[in-house]
């Protein structure tokens, strides 16, 4: 099977029922996508499939075939960070950092699809990504900044 990951073609020999997270991390070395709960709940493993924020820990490879997969490693445009990445840096959002790639990927999909979101829309969109350190206020402010910059 052929997968398109961050604009590159990747040949996968077998195991179409394997979860996408393990291909990304273990075989391709894309360790920016994190393992958290393994049940699609926490959001640490969030990536984009055809621009939609998707939990890679519960997504079989077969469901990703023929679609555009983007990980945190492919979010920037060369040396130019995505507005969400820049906002997370500007506002010093991360504390421990474990959830941040998933937070950023969820926020980027949201910002790309929702121009000028309200605070309530941001809270709702980010509500299914958990942060053990409780950085929710800074996350909301970063998403708001990124939406305004976008």
Protein backbone atom coordinates (compact mmCIF):
# COMPACT_ATOMS: atom_id res chain seq x y z
CA UNK A 1 0.00 0.00 0.00
CA UNK A 2 1.12 3.56 -0.72
CA UNK A 3 0.60 6.35 1.80
CA UNK A 4 1.27 10.05 1.32
CA UNK A 5 2.84 11.48 4.46
CA UNK A 6 3.94 15.11 4.58
CA UNK A 7 3.95 15.19 0.79
CA UNK A 8 6.14 12.11 0.33
CA UNK A 9 5.10 8.68 -0.87
CA UNK A 10 5.69 5.87 1.61
CA UNK A 11 5.44 2.20 0.67
CA UNK A 12 3.94 0.01 3.40
CA UNK A 13 4.42 -3.70 2.83
CA UNK A 14 1.82 -5.22 5.12
CA UNK A 15 -0.28 -4.85 8.24
CA UNK A 16 -3.10 -2.67 6.95
CA UNK A 17 -4.88 -3.12 10.27
CA UNK A 18 -1.90 -1.69 12.19
CA UNK A 19 -2.52 1.70 13.72
CA UNK A 20 -1.07 4.66 11.86
CA UNK A 21 0.63 5.97 15.03
CA UNK A 22 2.99 2.99 15.15
CA UNK A 23 4.00 3.33 11.50
CA UNK A 24 4.75 7.01 12.03
CA UNK A 25 6.71 6.60 15.26
CA UNK A 26 8.33 3.17 15.08
CA UNK A 27 8.99 2.71 11.37
CA UNK A 28 9.32 6.26 10.04
CA UNK A 29 10.87 7.88 13.12
CA UNK A 30 8.27 10.68 13.26
CA UNK A 31 8.25 10.85 17.02
CA UNK A 32 6.56 14.25 17.19
CA UNK A 33 3.26 12.41 17.13
CA UNK A 34 2.86 11.19 20.70
CA UNK A 35 1.35 8.10 22.27
CA UNK A 36 -0.94 9.04 25.14
CA UNK A 37 -3.97 6.92 25.95
CA UNK A 38 -4.05 4.51 22.99
CA UNK A 39 -7.84 4.80 22.85
CA UNK A 40 -8.37 7.98 20.81
CA UNK A 41 -9.40 10.01 23.85
CA UNK A 42 -6.53 12.30 24.91
CA UNK A 43 -5.49 13.75 21.53
CA UNK A 44 -1.71 13.46 21.94
CA UNK A 45 -1.55 11.46 18.71
CA UNK A 46 -3.53 13.96 16.60
CA UNK A 47 -2.49 14.30 12.95
CA UNK A 48 -4.31 15.52 9.84
CA UNK A 49 -5.86 13.22 7.29
CA UNK A 50 -7.10 15.25 4.33
CA UNK A 51 -6.96 18.32 6.59
CA UNK A 52 -9.10 16.82 9.35
CA UNK A 53 -7.71 16.38 12.86
CA UNK A 54 -7.55 12.60 13.38
CA UNK A 55 -6.43 10.34 16.22
CA UNK A 56 -3.64 8.21 14.77
CA UNK A 57 -3.65 5.70 17.66
CA UNK A 58 -7.04 4.34 16.54
CA UNK A 59 -6.69 4.81 12.77
CA UNK A 60 -5.78 1.65 10.85
CA UNK A 61 -3.39 2.12 7.94
CA UNK A 62 -6.09 0.91 5.55
CA UNK A 63 -8.24 3.96 6.36
CA UNK A 64 -5.40 6.33 5.45
CA UNK A 65 -4.66 4.86 2.02
CA UNK A 66 -5.13 7.36 -0.79
CA UNK A 67 -5.38 10.30 1.60
CA UNK A 68 -3.01 13.10 2.50
CA UNK A 69 -1.48 12.55 5.93
CA UNK A 70 0.23 15.43 7.71
CA UNK A 71 2.12 15.16 10.97
CA UNK A 72 3.63 17.85 13.17
CA UNK A 73 6.89 17.33 11.24
CA UNK A 74 5.13 18.47 8.05
CA UNK A 75 3.07 21.35 9.42
CA UNK A 76 5.57 24.15 8.77
CA UNK A 77 6.17 25.36 5.23
CA UNK A 78 9.93 24.91 5.09
CA UNK A 79 11.37 27.36 7.62
CA UNK A 80 8.07 29.23 7.97
CA UNK A 81 6.06 27.96 10.91
CA UNK A 82 2.30 27.47 10.73
CA UNK A 83 0.58 30.38 12.54
CA UNK A 84 -0.43 27.99 15.34
CA UNK A 85 3.16 26.85 15.86
CA UNK A 86 4.32 30.47 15.96
CA UNK A 87 1.59 31.45 18.42
CA UNK A 88 2.45 28.55 20.74
CA UNK A 89 6.06 29.77 20.77
CA UNK A 90 5.16 33.46 21.12
CA UNK A 91 2.86 32.80 24.09
CA UNK A 92 5.12 30.15 25.66
CA UNK A 93 2.24 27.66 25.78
CA UNK A 94 4.06 24.37 26.48
CA UNK A 95 4.84 23.28 29.98
CA UNK A 96 5.81 19.58 29.92
CA UNK A 97 5.17 19.44 26.16
CA UNK A 98 3.79 15.91 25.94
CA UNK A 99 0.42 16.89 24.47
CA UNK A 100 1.63 19.86 22.46
CA UNK A 101 2.04 18.28 19.04
CA UNK A 102 -1.51 16.96 19.28
CA UNK A 103 -2.75 20.32 20.57
CA UNK A 104 -1.01 22.12 17.70
CA UNK A 105 -2.34 19.73 15.07
CA UNK A 106 -5.91 20.00 16.41
CA UNK A 107 -5.61 23.79 16.55
CA UNK A 108 -4.14 24.02 13.03
CA UNK A 109 -7.00 22.00 11.52
CA UNK A 110 -9.48 24.18 13.41
CA UNK A 111 -7.85 27.50 12.46
CA UNK A 112 -7.50 26.43 8.82
CA UNK A 113 -11.24 25.63 8.69
CA UNK A 114 -12.65 28.38 10.94
CA UNK A 115 -11.78 32.00 10.22
CA UNK A 116 -12.39 34.43 13.10
CA UNK A 117 -13.55 31.92 15.72
CA UNK A 118 -15.17 33.03 18.95
CA UNK A 119 -13.71 32.07 22.33
CA UNK A 120 -16.53 29.54 22.75
CA UNK A 121 -15.72 27.96 19.37
CA UNK A 122 -12.05 27.68 20.34
CA UNK A 123 -12.86 26.08 23.69
CA UNK A 124 -15.23 23.62 22.01
CA UNK A 125 -12.77 22.75 19.23
CA UNK A 126 -9.90 22.18 21.65
CA UNK A 127 -11.99 20.52 24.35
CA UNK A 128 -11.21 16.97 23.28
CA UNK A 129 -7.43 17.42 23.53
CA UNK A 130 -6.24 16.98 27.09
CA UNK A 131 -3.34 18.78 28.74
CA UNK A 132 -2.02 17.20 31.92
CA UNK A 133 -0.42 20.49 32.94
CA UNK A 134 -3.60 22.55 32.54
CA UNK A 135 -2.30 25.00 29.93
CA UNK A 136 -5.81 25.55 28.55
CA UNK A 137 -5.88 29.34 28.97
CA UNK A 138 -2.58 29.73 27.08
CA UNK A 139 -3.73 27.23 24.44
CA UNK A 140 -6.94 29.22 23.86
CA UNK A 141 -4.98 32.48 23.57
CA UNK A 142 -2.54 30.92 21.11
CA UNK A 143 -5.35 29.57 18.94
CA UNK A 144 -6.97 33.02 18.97
CA UNK A 145 -3.66 34.67 17.99
CA UNK A 146 -3.11 32.15 15.20
CA UNK A 147 -6.64 32.66 13.84
CA UNK A 148 -6.06 36.43 13.74
CA UNK A 149 -2.69 35.95 12.01
CA UNK A 150 -3.99 33.28 9.63
